[in-house]
Protein backbone atom coordinates (compact mmCIF):
# COMPACT_ATOMS: atom_id res chain seq x y z
CA MET A 1 -33.53 3.68 8.81
CA LEU A 2 -30.18 3.63 6.49
CA THR A 3 -32.38 4.21 3.48
CA ARG A 4 -33.40 7.34 4.95
CA LEU A 5 -29.98 8.69 5.77
CA THR A 6 -28.47 7.44 2.69
CA ALA A 7 -31.25 9.81 0.63
CA LYS A 8 -30.08 12.74 3.24
CA ARG A 9 -26.55 12.03 2.16
CA LEU A 10 -25.40 11.29 5.98
CA VAL A 11 -24.00 7.91 4.85
CA SER A 12 -22.03 7.70 1.78
CA ASP A 13 -19.85 4.89 0.71
CA ASP A 14 -17.60 7.35 -1.19
CA ARG A 15 -16.93 9.15 1.92
CA PHE A 16 -16.21 5.89 3.56
CA VAL A 17 -13.86 4.43 1.03
CA THR A 18 -12.09 7.89 0.86
CA SER A 19 -11.58 8.22 4.73
CA PHE A 20 -10.53 4.35 4.83
CA VAL A 21 -7.94 4.82 1.81
CA HIS A 22 -6.44 8.40 3.59
CA HIS A 23 -6.42 6.22 7.27
CA HIS A 24 -4.79 2.99 5.96
CA ALA A 25 -2.33 4.66 3.67
CA GLN A 26 -1.17 6.71 6.78
CA ARG A 27 -0.27 3.36 8.58
CA GLY A 28 1.58 2.34 5.79
CA GLN A 29 -0.48 -0.24 3.92
CA GLY A 30 -0.08 -0.30 -0.07
CA PRO A 31 -2.96 -0.05 -2.44
CA ILE A 32 -3.23 -3.79 -3.05
CA ARG A 33 -4.18 -4.43 0.54
CA ILE A 34 -6.17 -1.82 0.71
CA ARG A 35 -8.24 -2.71 -2.04
CA ALA A 36 -8.62 -6.00 -0.57
CA GLU A 37 -10.03 -4.84 2.72
CA LEU A 38 -12.70 -2.57 1.06
CA ARG A 39 -13.47 -5.87 -1.19
CA GLN A 40 -13.80 -7.63 1.77
CA GLN A 41 -16.52 -5.36 3.09
CA GLY A 42 -18.50 -5.55 0.11
CA ILE A 43 -17.68 -1.95 -1.82
CA ALA A 44 -17.74 -1.77 -5.21
CA ASP A 45 -14.63 -1.71 -7.35
CA GLU A 46 -15.87 1.77 -9.23
CA ALA A 47 -15.41 3.60 -5.63
CA ILE A 48 -12.54 1.65 -4.60
CA ASP A 49 -10.68 2.64 -7.95
CA ALA A 50 -11.94 6.23 -7.68
CA ALA A 51 -10.63 6.63 -4.00
CA LEU A 52 -7.26 5.20 -4.72
CA GLU A 53 -6.95 7.25 -7.87
CA ASN A 54 -8.18 10.58 -6.08
CA THR A 55 -5.40 10.05 -3.14
CA ASN A 56 -2.35 12.01 -3.47
CA THR A 57 -0.26 9.12 -2.15
CA ASP A 58 2.72 8.46 -4.06
CA TRP A 59 2.90 4.44 -3.21
CA GLY A 60 6.63 3.70 -4.15
CA LEU A 61 7.66 6.67 -1.97
CA GLN A 62 5.18 5.40 0.71
CA ALA A 63 6.73 1.66 0.29
CA GLN A 64 10.58 3.26 0.88
CA SER A 65 9.38 5.10 3.91
CA VAL A 66 7.60 1.93 5.00
CA ARG A 67 10.95 -0.04 4.52
CA GLN A 68 13.23 2.38 6.14
CA ARG A 69 10.77 2.69 9.20
CA LYS A 70 11.30 -1.20 9.49
CA PHE A 71 14.76 -1.80 8.28
CA GLY A 72 16.33 1.45 8.49
CA ALA A 73 17.92 3.88 5.80
CA ALA A 74 20.72 1.45 4.60
CA LEU A 75 19.74 -0.59 1.54
CA PRO A 76 19.36 -4.32 2.08
CA ALA A 77 23.26 -5.80 1.87
CA GLY A 78 22.42 -9.17 0.31
CA MET A 79 19.68 -11.27 -1.61
CA ALA A 80 18.31 -12.60 1.53
CA GLU A 81 18.05 -9.18 3.47
CA ARG A 82 16.56 -7.96 -0.15
CA ALA A 83 13.93 -10.99 -0.35
CA LYS A 84 13.19 -10.45 3.55
CA GLN A 85 12.32 -6.83 2.80
CA ALA A 86 10.50 -7.43 -0.27
CA ARG A 87 8.17 -10.11 1.73
CA PHE A 88 7.45 -7.39 4.37
CA LEU A 89 6.51 -4.88 1.89
CA GLN A 90 4.59 -7.39 -0.54
CA TYR A 91 2.20 -8.24 2.85
CA ARG A 92 1.89 -4.79 3.43
CA GLY A 93 0.25 -4.35 0.11
CA PHE A 94 2.57 -2.98 -2.16
CA SER A 95 3.02 -3.99 -5.97
CA SER A 96 6.25 -5.62 -7.29
CA ASP A 97 6.97 -1.99 -9.07
CA GLN A 98 6.64 -0.13 -6.01
CA ILE A 99 8.69 -2.62 -4.41
CA ARG A 100 11.63 -2.83 -6.53
CA ALA A 101 11.44 1.19 -6.24
CA ALA A 102 11.63 0.70 -2.77
CA LEU A 103 14.41 -1.58 -3.01
CA LYS A 104 16.50 0.25 -5.43
CA ALA A 105 19.68 -1.52 -5.06
CA ASP A 106 21.96 -2.48 -7.85
CA VAL A 107 21.53 -6.38 -7.35
CA GLU A 108 24.50 -7.01 -9.82
CA SER A 109 26.95 -5.39 -7.44
CA TRP A 110 26.25 -8.47 -4.58
CA SER A 111 28.93 -11.24 -4.71
CA LEU A 112 27.45 -14.70 -4.65
CA PRO A 113 28.58 -17.18 -2.61
CA GLU A 114 30.88 -20.08 -4.00
């Protein structure tokens, strides 16, 4: 049955992957987490790569939006808060570059406890 549906192009991994990427990006998940979930479902890396490249999502902006929804518009006040927000974004599946872009605070301006 599944073979016939696939032959008639009624079932397509490519369409599923595209829909999955779009849906999970809208839910605030990053590309690393999306890729891991698709791999867990047995989807080929080529299909995942193609879907992630063809999405119009700016992942750095997406990470910033997710951070603002969770923690508010103000940038983290100290290193502990910055680490907390970075861990949250890492759990959501964003890369270190995307996390740095979302937390674009001047770390050198923080005063260290003495």
